[in-house]
Amino acid sequence: MTTSLVIFSYFQFLDLLTTVIFLLHGVQEANPLVRLALRTAPSPLLGLLLVKVAALALGVYCWRMGRQSLLLRMNVLFAILVSWNLLALLARVVGIT
């Protein structure tokens, strides 16, 4: 496995964790596709896990097809997303929001 795929998997795990924390605190999911999965799955957690499995499958596909630049761009996107989630959680904890 290349470093890019390992990093992508790690970002998916971090996004899963921050999303679960948001949901436990009553924060709505912003991504309409993830919102749909949360509503239509037997449980919200299962819907979220299915979305993450699909994302990991996309990451593996990019890795196997030699699309390293796309995988790198997805890593940057998820790094920004996870950072945003952590900042939003921090803001909530310290009472800024």
PDB file of N, CA and C in Angstrom:
ATOM      1  N   MET A   1       0.847  -1.186   0.000  1.00  0.00           N
ATOM      2  CA  MET A   1       0.000   0.000   0.000  1.00  0.00           C
ATOM      3  C   MET A   1       0.882   1.235   0.000  1.00  0.00           C
ATOM      4  N   THR A   2       0.479   2.209  -0.770  1.00  0.00           N
ATOM      5  CA  THR A   2       1.267   3.433  -0.798  1.00  0.00           C
ATOM      6  C   THR A   2       0.864   4.347   0.348  1.00  0.00           C
ATOM      7  N   THR A   3       1.722   5.297   0.603  1.00  0.00           N
ATOM      8  CA  THR A   3       1.469   6.254   1.672  1.00  0.00           C
ATOM      9  C   THR A   3       0.183   7.023   1.428  1.00  0.00           C
ATOM     10  N   SER A   4      -0.084   7.400   0.195  1.00  0.00           N
ATOM     11  CA  SER A   4      -1.295   8.174  -0.117  1.00  0.00           C
ATOM     12  C   SER A   4      -2.555   7.419   0.277  1.00  0.00           C
ATOM     13  N   LEU A   5      -2.593   6.122   0.021  1.00  0.00           N
ATOM     14  CA  LEU A   5      -3.774   5.331   0.365  1.00  0.00           C
ATOM     15  C   LEU A   5      -3.908   5.178   1.881  1.00  0.00           C
ATOM     16  N   VAL A   6      -2.796   5.008   2.568  1.00  0.00           N
ATOM     17  CA  VAL A   6      -2.833   4.917   4.030  1.00  0.00           C
ATOM     18  C   VAL A   6      -3.332   6.234   4.625  1.00  0.00           C
ATOM     19  N   ILE A   7      -2.840   7.340   4.115  1.00  0.00           N
ATOM     20  CA  ILE A   7      -3.284   8.655   4.595  1.00  0.00           C
ATOM     21  C   ILE A   7      -4.761   8.857   4.296  1.00  0.00           C
ATOM     22  N   PHE A   8      -5.197   8.456   3.099  1.00  0.00           N
ATOM     23  CA  PHE A   8      -6.610   8.577   2.741  1.00  0.00           C
ATOM     24  C   PHE A   8      -7.474   7.778   3.717  1.00  0.00           C
ATOM     25  N   SER A   9      -7.052   6.559   4.031  1.00  0.00           N
ATOM     26  CA  SER A   9      -7.797   5.723   4.982  1.00  0.00           C
ATOM     27  C   SER A   9      -7.857   6.386   6.356  1.00  0.00           C
ATOM     28  N   TYR A  10      -6.756   6.962   6.777  1.00  0.00           N
ATOM     29  CA  TYR A  10      -6.708   7.651   8.063  1.00  0.00           C
ATOM     30  C   TYR A  10      -7.672   8.842   8.081  1.00  0.00           C
ATOM     31  N   PHE A  11      -7.693   9.627   7.008  1.00  0.00           N
ATOM     32  CA  PHE A  11      -8.621  10.754   6.943  1.00  0.00           C
ATOM     33  C   PHE A  11     -10.075  10.282   6.956  1.00  0.00           C
ATOM     34  N   GLN A  12     -10.351   9.145   6.323  1.00  0.00           N
ATOM     35  CA  GLN A  12     -11.713   8.615   6.359  1.00  0.00           C
ATOM     36  C   GLN A  12     -12.103   8.246   7.791  1.00  0.00           C
ATOM     37  N   PHE A  13     -11.179   7.663   8.524  1.00  0.00           N
ATOM     38  CA  PHE A  13     -11.441   7.314   9.920  1.00  0.00           C
ATOM     39  C   PHE A  13     -11.674   8.572  10.756  1.00  0.00           C
ATOM     40  N   LEU A  14     -10.835   9.593  10.560  1.00  0.00           N
ATOM     41  CA  LEU A  14     -11.016  10.844  11.309  1.00  0.00           C
ATOM     42  C   LEU A  14     -12.328  11.521  10.961  1.00  0.00           C
ATOM     43  N   ASP A  15     -12.700  11.494   9.694  1.00  0.00           N
ATOM     44  CA  ASP A  15     -13.981  12.079   9.285  1.00  0.00           C
ATOM     45  C   ASP A  15     -15.135  11.304   9.901  1.00  0.00           C
ATOM     46  N   LEU A  16     -15.023   9.988   9.944  1.00  0.00           N
ATOM     47  CA  LEU A  16     -16.049   9.167  10.597  1.00  0.00           C
ATOM     48  C   LEU A  16     -16.200   9.562  12.059  1.00  0.00           C
ATOM     49  N   LEU A  17     -15.081   9.672  12.769  1.00  0.00           N
ATOM     50  CA  LEU A  17     -15.136  10.024  14.194  1.00  0.00           C
ATOM     51  C   LEU A  17     -15.741  11.406  14.421  1.00  0.00           C
ATOM     52  N   THR A  18     -15.288  12.397  13.651  1.00  0.00           N
ATOM     53  CA  THR A  18     -15.816  13.747  13.860  1.00  0.00           C
ATOM     54  C   THR A  18     -17.288  13.827  13.475  1.00  0.00           C
ATOM     55  N   THR A  19     -17.694  13.083  12.461  1.00  0.00           N
ATOM     56  CA  THR A  19     -19.113  13.076  12.080  1.00  0.00           C
ATOM     57  C   THR A  19     -19.964  12.447  13.171  1.00  0.00           C
ATOM     58  N   VAL A  20     -19.490  11.362  13.745  1.00  0.00           N
ATOM     59  CA  VAL A  20     -20.239  10.720  14.840  1.00  0.00           C
ATOM     60  C   VAL A  20     -20.377  11.687  16.019  1.00  0.00           C
ATOM     61  N   ILE A  21     -19.316  12.395  16.346  1.00  0.00           N
ATOM     62  CA  ILE A  21     -19.384  13.367  17.446  1.00  0.00           C
ATOM     63  C   ILE A  21     -20.395  14.458  17.122  1.00  0.00           C
ATOM     64  N   PHE A  22     -20.366  14.961  15.888  1.00  0.00           N
ATOM     65  CA  PHE A  22     -21.358  15.962  15.479  1.00  0.00           C
ATOM     66  C   PHE A  22     -22.768  15.424  15.648  1.00  0.00           C
ATOM     67  N   LEU A  23     -23.014  14.229  15.147  1.00  0.00           N
ATOM     68  CA  LEU A  23     -24.354  13.660  15.211  1.00  0.00           C
ATOM     69  C   LEU A  23     -24.817  13.455  16.647  1.00  0.00           C
ATOM     70  N   LEU A  24     -23.896  13.034  17.512  1.00  0.00           N
ATOM     71  CA  LEU A  24     -24.252  12.858  18.926  1.00  0.00           C
ATOM     72  C   LEU A  24     -24.621  14.172  19.602  1.00  0.00           C
ATOM     73  N   HIS A  25     -24.108  15.283  19.054  1.00  0.00           N
ATOM     74  CA  HIS A  25     -24.420  16.601  19.609  1.00  0.00           C
ATOM     75  C   HIS A  25     -25.516  17.319  18.828  1.00  0.00           C
ATOM     76  N   GLY A  26     -26.209  16.595  17.960  1.00  0.00           N
ATOM     77  CA  GLY A  26     -27.350  17.157  17.255  1.00  0.00           C
ATOM     78  C   GLY A  26     -27.014  18.044  16.071  1.00  0.00           C
ATOM     79  N   VAL A  27     -25.787  17.993  15.586  1.00  0.00           N
ATOM     80  CA  VAL A  27     -25.396  18.801  14.433  1.00  0.00           C
ATOM     81  C   VAL A  27     -25.792  18.050  13.165  1.00  0.00           C
ATOM     82  N   GLN A  28     -26.442  18.746  12.228  1.00  0.00           N
ATOM     83  CA  GLN A  28     -26.856  18.154  10.960  1.00  0.00           C
ATOM     84  C   GLN A  28     -25.664  17.883  10.063  1.00  0.00           C
ATOM     85  N   GLU A  29     -25.711  16.792   9.332  1.00  0.00           N
ATOM     86  CA  GLU A  29     -24.698  16.487   8.325  1.00  0.00           C
ATOM     87  C   GLU A  29     -24.868  17.448   7.158  1.00  0.00           C
ATOM     88  N   ALA A  30     -23.779  18.030   6.680  1.00  0.00           N
ATOM     89  CA  ALA A  30     -23.839  19.021   5.603  1.00  0.00           C
ATOM     90  C   ALA A  30     -23.879  18.377   4.219  1.00  0.00           C
ATOM     91  N   ASN A  31     -23.253  17.219   4.047  1.00  0.00           N
ATOM     92  CA  ASN A  31     -23.193  16.565   2.744  1.00  0.00           C
ATOM     93  C   ASN A  31     -24.537  15.900   2.450  1.00  0.00           C
ATOM     94  N   PRO A  32     -25.215  16.310   1.358  1.00  0.00           N
ATOM     95  CA  PRO A  32     -26.542  15.744   1.076  1.00  0.00           C
ATOM     96  C   PRO A  32     -26.523  14.236   0.813  1.00  0.00           C
ATOM     97  N   LEU A  33     -25.455  13.720   0.226  1.00  0.00           N
ATOM     98  CA  LEU A  33     -25.387  12.270  -0.009  1.00  0.00           C
ATOM     99  C   LEU A  33     -25.241  11.500   1.300  1.00  0.00           C
ATOM    100  N   VAL A  34     -24.436  12.029   2.198  1.00  0.00           N
ATOM    101  CA  VAL A  34     -24.275  11.381   3.505  1.00  0.00           C
ATOM    102  C   VAL A  34     -25.575  11.502   4.299  1.00  0.00           C
ATOM    103  N   ARG A  35     -26.238  12.660   4.219  1.00  0.00           N
ATOM    104  CA  ARG A  35     -27.536  12.834   4.891  1.00  0.00           C
ATOM    105  C   ARG A  35     -28.532  11.793   4.412  1.00  0.00           C
ATOM    106  N   LEU A  36     -28.560  11.556   3.104  1.00  0.00           N
ATOM    107  CA  LEU A  36     -29.458  10.549   2.538  1.00  0.00           C
ATOM    108  C   LEU A  36     -29.118   9.165   3.087  1.00  0.00           C
ATOM    109  N   ALA A  37     -27.849   8.833   3.146  1.00  0.00           N
ATOM    110  CA  ALA A  37     -27.425   7.534   3.685  1.00  0.00           C
ATOM    111  C   ALA A  37     -27.807   7.401   5.153  1.00  0.00           C
ATOM    112  N   LEU A  38     -27.673   8.484   5.911  1.00  0.00           N
ATOM    113  CA  LEU A  38     -28.027   8.449   7.328  1.00  0.00           C
ATOM    114  C   LEU A  38     -29.522   8.198   7.520  1.00  0.00           C
ATOM    115  N   ARG A  39     -30.340   8.766   6.629  1.00  0.00           N
ATOM    116  CA  ARG A  39     -31.804   8.616   6.752  1.00  0.00           C
ATOM    117  C   ARG A  39     -32.303   7.278   6.242  1.00  0.00           C
ATOM    118  N   THR A  40     -31.695   6.757   5.178  1.00  0.00           N
ATOM    119  CA  THR A  40     -32.251   5.571   4.532  1.00  0.00           C
ATOM    120  C   THR A  40     -31.693   4.253   5.062  1.00  0.00           C
ATOM    121  N   ALA A  41     -30.570   4.279   5.709  1.00  0.00           N
ATOM    122  CA  ALA A  41     -29.987   3.044   6.267  1.00  0.00           C
ATOM    123  C   ALA A  41     -30.783   2.627   7.497  1.00  0.00           C
ATOM    124  N   PRO A  42     -30.697   1.357   7.862  1.00  0.00           N
ATOM    125  CA  PRO A  42     -31.397   0.900   9.076  1.00  0.00           C
ATOM    126  C   PRO A  42     -30.997   1.680  10.335  1.00  0.00           C
ATOM    127  N   SER A  43     -29.750   2.148  10.387  1.00  0.00           N
ATOM    128  CA  SER A  43     -29.311   3.005  11.489  1.00  0.00           C
ATOM    129  C   SER A  43     -28.366   4.060  10.912  1.00  0.00           C
ATOM    130  N   PRO A  44     -28.314   5.242  11.523  1.00  0.00           N
ATOM    131  CA  PRO A  44     -27.415   6.283  11.014  1.00  0.00           C
ATOM    132  C   PRO A  44     -25.952   5.839  10.984  1.00  0.00           C
ATOM    133  N   LEU A  45     -25.528   5.102  11.993  1.00  0.00           N
ATOM    134  CA  LEU A  45     -24.140   4.647  12.027  1.00  0.00           C
ATOM    135  C   LEU A  45     -23.844   3.704  10.860  1.00  0.00           C
ATOM    136  N   LEU A  46     -24.768   2.814  10.560  1.00  0.00           N
ATOM    137  CA  LEU A  46     -24.581   1.907   9.435  1.00  0.00           C
ATOM    138  C   LEU A  46     -24.520   2.697   8.124  1.00  0.00           C
ATOM    139  N   GLY A  47     -25.383   3.702   7.982  1.00  0.00           N
ATOM    140  CA  GLY A  47     -25.342   4.544   6.784  1.00  0.00           C
ATOM    141  C   GLY A  47     -24.006   5.240   6.642  1.00  0.00           C
ATOM    142  N   LEU A  48     -23.495   5.767   7.744  1.00  0.00           N
ATOM    143  CA  LEU A  48     -22.202   6.450   7.717  1.00  0.00           C
ATOM    144  C   LEU A  48     -21.084   5.471   7.389  1.00  0.00           C
ATOM    145  N   LEU A  49     -21.131   4.285   7.965  1.00  0.00           N
ATOM    146  CA  LEU A  49     -20.116   3.267   7.672  1.00  0.00           C
ATOM    147  C   LEU A  49     -20.146   2.858   6.200  1.00  0.00           C
ATOM    148  N   LEU A  50     -21.337   2.750   5.629  1.00  0.00           N
ATOM    149  CA  LEU A  50     -21.440   2.402   4.210  1.00  0.00           C
ATOM    150  C   LEU A  50     -20.835   3.487   3.322  1.00  0.00           C
ATOM    151  N   VAL A  51     -21.049   4.744   3.695  1.00  0.00           N
ATOM    152  CA  VAL A  51     -20.450   5.853   2.946  1.00  0.00           C
ATOM    153  C   VAL A  51     -18.929   5.773   3.033  1.00  0.00           C
ATOM    154  N   LYS A  52     -18.408   5.480   4.202  1.00  0.00           N
ATOM    155  CA  LYS A  52     -16.957   5.396   4.377  1.00  0.00           C
ATOM    156  C   LYS A  52     -16.376   4.194   3.625  1.00  0.00           C
ATOM    157  N   VAL A  53     -17.100   3.080   3.586  1.00  0.00           N
ATOM    158  CA  VAL A  53     -16.646   1.924   2.809  1.00  0.00           C
ATOM    159  C   VAL A  53     -16.592   2.293   1.327  1.00  0.00           C
ATOM    160  N   ALA A  54     -17.607   3.027   0.855  1.00  0.00           N
ATOM    161  CA  ALA A  54     -17.613   3.467  -0.545  1.00  0.00           C
ATOM    162  C   ALA A  54     -16.432   4.404  -0.818  1.00  0.00           C
ATOM    163  N   ALA A  55     -16.148   5.314   0.125  1.00  0.00           N
ATOM    164  CA  ALA A  55     -15.018   6.230  -0.042  1.00  0.00           C
ATOM    165  C   ALA A  55     -13.708   5.452  -0.080  1.00  0.00           C
ATOM    166  N   LEU A  56     -13.560   4.470   0.799  1.00  0.00           N
ATOM    167  CA  LEU A  56     -12.343   3.657   0.797  1.00  0.00           C
ATOM    168  C   LEU A  56     -12.215   2.864  -0.503  1.00  0.00           C
ATOM    169  N   ALA A  57     -13.339   2.384  -1.017  1.00  0.00           N
ATOM    170  CA  ALA A  57     -13.308   1.665  -2.297  1.00  0.00           C
ATOM    171  C   ALA A  57     -12.844   2.596  -3.414  1.00  0.00           C
ATOM    172  N   LEU A  58     -13.303   3.838  -3.380  1.00  0.00           N
ATOM    173  CA  LEU A  58     -12.864   4.818  -4.368  1.00  0.00           C
ATOM    174  C   LEU A  58     -11.364   5.082  -4.238  1.00  0.00           C
ATOM    175  N   GLY A  59     -10.887   5.171  -3.003  1.00  0.00           N
ATOM    176  CA  GLY A  59      -9.454   5.361  -2.773  1.00  0.00           C
ATOM    177  C   GLY A  59      -8.633   4.194  -3.292  1.00  0.00           C
ATOM    178  N   VAL A  60      -9.089   2.974  -3.053  1.00  0.00           N
ATOM    179  CA  VAL A  60      -8.388   1.783  -3.538  1.00  0.00           C
ATOM    180  C   VAL A  60      -8.413   1.760  -5.069  1.00  0.00           C
ATOM    181  N   TYR A  61      -9.546   2.128  -5.651  1.00  0.00           N
ATOM    182  CA  TYR A  61      -9.645   2.177  -7.115  1.00  0.00           C
ATOM    183  C   TYR A  61      -8.617   3.156  -7.687  1.00  0.00           C
ATOM    184  N   CYS A  62      -8.538   4.342  -7.116  1.00  0.00           N
ATOM    185  CA  CYS A  62      -7.558   5.334  -7.585  1.00  0.00           C
ATOM    186  C   CYS A  62      -6.137   4.799  -7.453  1.00  0.00           C
ATOM    187  N   TRP A  63      -5.856   4.166  -6.337  1.00  0.00           N
ATOM    188  CA  TRP A  63      -4.518   3.611  -6.096  1.00  0.00           C
ATOM    189  C   TRP A  63      -4.185   2.521  -7.119  1.00  0.00           C
ATOM    190  N   ARG A  64      -5.128   1.620  -7.357  1.00  0.00           N
ATOM    191  CA  ARG A  64      -4.881   0.510  -8.291  1.00  0.00           C
ATOM    192  C   ARG A  64      -4.769   0.982  -9.730  1.00  0.00           C
ATOM    193  N   MET A  65      -5.485   2.049 -10.064  1.00  0.00           N
ATOM    194  CA  MET A  65      -5.462   2.565 -11.437  1.00  0.00           C
ATOM    195  C   MET A  65      -4.321   3.558 -11.666  1.00  0.00           C
ATOM    196  N   GLY A  66      -3.503   3.772 -10.644  1.00  0.00           N
ATOM    197  CA  GLY A  66      -2.373   4.678 -10.787  1.00  0.00           C
ATOM    198  C   GLY A  66      -2.754   6.154 -10.783  1.00  0.00           C
ATOM    199  N   ARG A  67      -3.891   6.463 -10.196  1.00  0.00           N
ATOM    200  CA  ARG A  67      -4.370   7.847 -10.149  1.00  0.00           C
ATOM    201  C   ARG A  67      -3.883   8.525  -8.865  1.00  0.00           C
ATOM    202  N   GLN A  68      -2.572   8.555  -8.691  1.00  0.00           N
ATOM    203  CA  GLN A  68      -1.968   9.105  -7.475  1.00  0.00           C
ATOM    204  C   GLN A  68      -2.292  10.590  -7.300  1.00  0.00           C
ATOM    205  N   SER A  69      -2.345  11.338  -8.413  1.00  0.00           N
ATOM    206  CA  SER A  69      -2.629  12.774  -8.285  1.00  0.00           C
ATOM    207  C   SER A  69      -4.058  13.002  -7.800  1.00  0.00           C
ATOM    208  N   LEU A  70      -5.002  12.167  -8.243  1.00  0.00           N
ATOM    209  CA  LEU A  70      -6.383  12.283  -7.754  1.00  0.00           C
ATOM    210  C   LEU A  70      -6.451  11.904  -6.280  1.00  0.00           C
ATOM    211  N   LEU A  71      -5.744  10.868  -5.898  1.00  0.00           N
ATOM    212  CA  LEU A  71      -5.708  10.454  -4.503  1.00  0.00           C
ATOM    213  C   LEU A  71      -5.090  11.546  -3.636  1.00  0.00           C
ATOM    214  N   LEU A  72      -4.062  12.190  -4.127  1.00  0.00           N
ATOM    215  CA  LEU A  72      -3.455  13.303  -3.400  1.00  0.00           C
ATOM    216  C   LEU A  72      -4.447  14.454  -3.228  1.00  0.00           C
ATOM    217  N   ARG A  73      -5.182  14.786  -4.283  1.00  0.00           N
ATOM    218  CA  ARG A  73      -6.186  15.860  -4.187  1.00  0.00           C
ATOM    219  C   ARG A  73      -7.291  15.506  -3.200  1.00  0.00           C
ATOM    220  N   MET A  74      -7.701  14.228  -3.187  1.00  0.00           N
ATOM    221  CA  MET A  74      -8.720  13.798  -2.225  1.00  0.00           C
ATOM    222  C   MET A  74      -8.165  13.897  -0.803  1.00  0.00           C
ATOM    223  N   ASN A  75      -6.892  13.590  -0.628  1.00  0.00           N
ATOM    224  CA  ASN A  75      -6.274  13.723   0.697  1.00  0.00           C
ATOM    225  C   ASN A  75      -6.280  15.173   1.155  1.00  0.00           C
ATOM    226  N   VAL A  76      -5.969  16.085   0.255  1.00  0.00           N
ATOM    227  CA  VAL A  76      -5.990  17.507   0.610  1.00  0.00           C
ATOM    228  C   VAL A  76      -7.407  17.928   0.991  1.00  0.00           C
ATOM    229  N   LEU A  77      -8.385  17.493   0.199  1.00  0.00           N
ATOM    230  CA  LEU A  77      -9.786  17.820   0.493  1.00  0.00           C
ATOM    231  C   LEU A  77     -10.193  17.306   1.871  1.00  0.00           C
ATOM    232  N   PHE A  78      -9.875  16.058   2.164  1.00  0.00           N
ATOM    233  CA  PHE A  78     -10.269  15.500   3.460  1.00  0.00           C
ATOM    234  C   PHE A  78      -9.446  16.068   4.608  1.00  0.00           C
ATOM    235  N   ALA A  79      -8.210  16.485   4.352  1.00  0.00           N
ATOM    236  CA  ALA A  79      -7.432  17.168   5.392  1.00  0.00           C
ATOM    237  C   ALA A  79      -8.120  18.478   5.772  1.00  0.00           C
ATOM    238  N   ILE A  80      -8.586  19.205   4.777  1.00  0.00           N
ATOM    239  CA  ILE A  80      -9.310  20.460   5.032  1.00  0.00           C
ATOM    240  C   ILE A  80     -10.620  20.165   5.757  1.00  0.00           C
ATOM    241  N   LEU A  81     -11.347  19.150   5.309  1.00  0.00           N
ATOM    242  CA  LEU A  81     -12.628  18.797   5.917  1.00  0.00           C
ATOM    243  C   LEU A  81     -12.472  18.389   7.378  1.00  0.00           C
ATOM    244  N   VAL A  82     -11.514  17.524   7.657  1.00  0.00           N
ATOM    245  CA  VAL A  82     -11.296  17.073   9.037  1.00  0.00           C
ATOM    246  C   VAL A  82     -10.822  18.240   9.908  1.00  0.00           C
ATOM    247  N   SER A  83      -9.972  19.102   9.364  1.00  0.00           N
ATOM    248  CA  SER A  83      -9.523  20.284  10.113  1.00  0.00           C
ATOM    249  C   SER A  83     -10.707  21.179  10.442  1.00  0.00           C
ATOM    250  N   TRP A  84     -11.576  21.383   9.460  1.00  0.00           N
ATOM    251  CA  TRP A  84     -12.779  22.196   9.687  1.00  0.00           C
ATOM    252  C   TRP A  84     -13.642  21.566  10.782  1.00  0.00           C
ATOM    253  N   ASN A  85     -13.848  20.265  10.705  1.00  0.00           N
ATOM    254  CA  ASN A  85     -14.645  19.573  11.717  1.00  0.00           C
ATOM    255  C   ASN A  85     -14.044  19.746  13.109  1.00  0.00           C
ATOM    256  N   LEU A  86     -12.723  19.597  13.211  1.00  0.00           N
ATOM    257  CA  LEU A  86     -12.076  19.741  14.521  1.00  0.00           C
ATOM    258  C   LEU A  86     -12.175  21.171  15.037  1.00  0.00           C
ATOM    259  N   LEU A  87     -12.018  22.151  14.154  1.00  0.00           N
ATOM    260  CA  LEU A  87     -12.178  23.551  14.574  1.00  0.00           C
ATOM    261  C   LEU A  87     -13.607  23.829  15.019  1.00  0.00           C
ATOM    262  N   ALA A  88     -14.585  23.284  14.313  1.00  0.00           N
ATOM    263  CA  ALA A  88     -15.989  23.475  14.700  1.00  0.00           C
ATOM    264  C   ALA A  88     -16.272  22.824  16.052  1.00  0.00           C
ATOM    265  N   LEU A  89     -15.713  21.648  16.275  1.00  0.00           N
ATOM    266  CA  LEU A  89     -15.892  20.993  17.578  1.00  0.00           C
ATOM    267  C   LEU A  89     -15.229  21.791  18.690  1.00  0.00           C
ATOM    268  N   LEU A  90     -14.029  22.293  18.434  1.00  0.00           N
ATOM    269  CA  LEU A  90     -13.331  23.114  19.421  1.00  0.00           C
ATOM    270  C   LEU A  90     -14.120  24.382  19.730  1.00  0.00           C
ATOM    271  N   ALA A  91     -14.640  25.014  18.695  1.00  0.00           N
ATOM    272  CA  ALA A  91     -15.437  26.224  18.889  1.00  0.00           C
ATOM    273  C   ALA A  91     -16.664  25.938  19.743  1.00  0.00           C
ATOM    274  N   ARG A  92     -17.267  24.796  19.520  1.00  0.00           N
ATOM    275  CA  ARG A  92     -18.449  24.421  20.311  1.00  0.00           C
ATOM    276  C   ARG A  92     -18.074  24.184  21.773  1.00  0.00           C
ATOM    277  N   VAL A  93     -16.922  23.528  21.991  1.00  0.00           N
ATOM    278  CA  VAL A  93     -16.502  23.213  23.359  1.00  0.00           C
ATOM    279  C   VAL A  93     -16.180  24.490  24.144  1.00  0.00           C
ATOM    280  N   VAL A  94     -15.523  25.437  23.501  1.00  0.00           N
ATOM    281  CA  VAL A  94     -15.145  26.669  24.214  1.00  0.00           C
ATOM    282  C   VAL A  94     -16.265  27.709  24.189  1.00  0.00           C
ATOM    283  N   GLY A  95     -17.372  27.381  23.519  1.00  0.00           N
ATOM    284  CA  GLY A  95     -18.527  28.256  23.572  1.00  0.00           C
ATOM    285  C   GLY A  95     -18.539  29.400  22.562  1.00  0.00           C
ATOM    286  N   ILE A  96     -17.791  29.270  21.478  1.00  0.00           N
ATOM    287  CA  ILE A  96     -17.787  30.327  20.469  1.00  0.00           C
ATOM    288  C   ILE A  96     -19.050  30.282  19.629  1.00  0.00           C
ATOM    289  N   THR A  97     -19.600  29.077  19.405  1.00  0.00           N
ATOM    290  CA  THR A  97     -20.806  28.962  18.572  1.00  0.00           C
ATOM    291  C   THR A  97     -22.034  28.837  19.415  1.00  0.00           C
TER     292      THR A  97
END
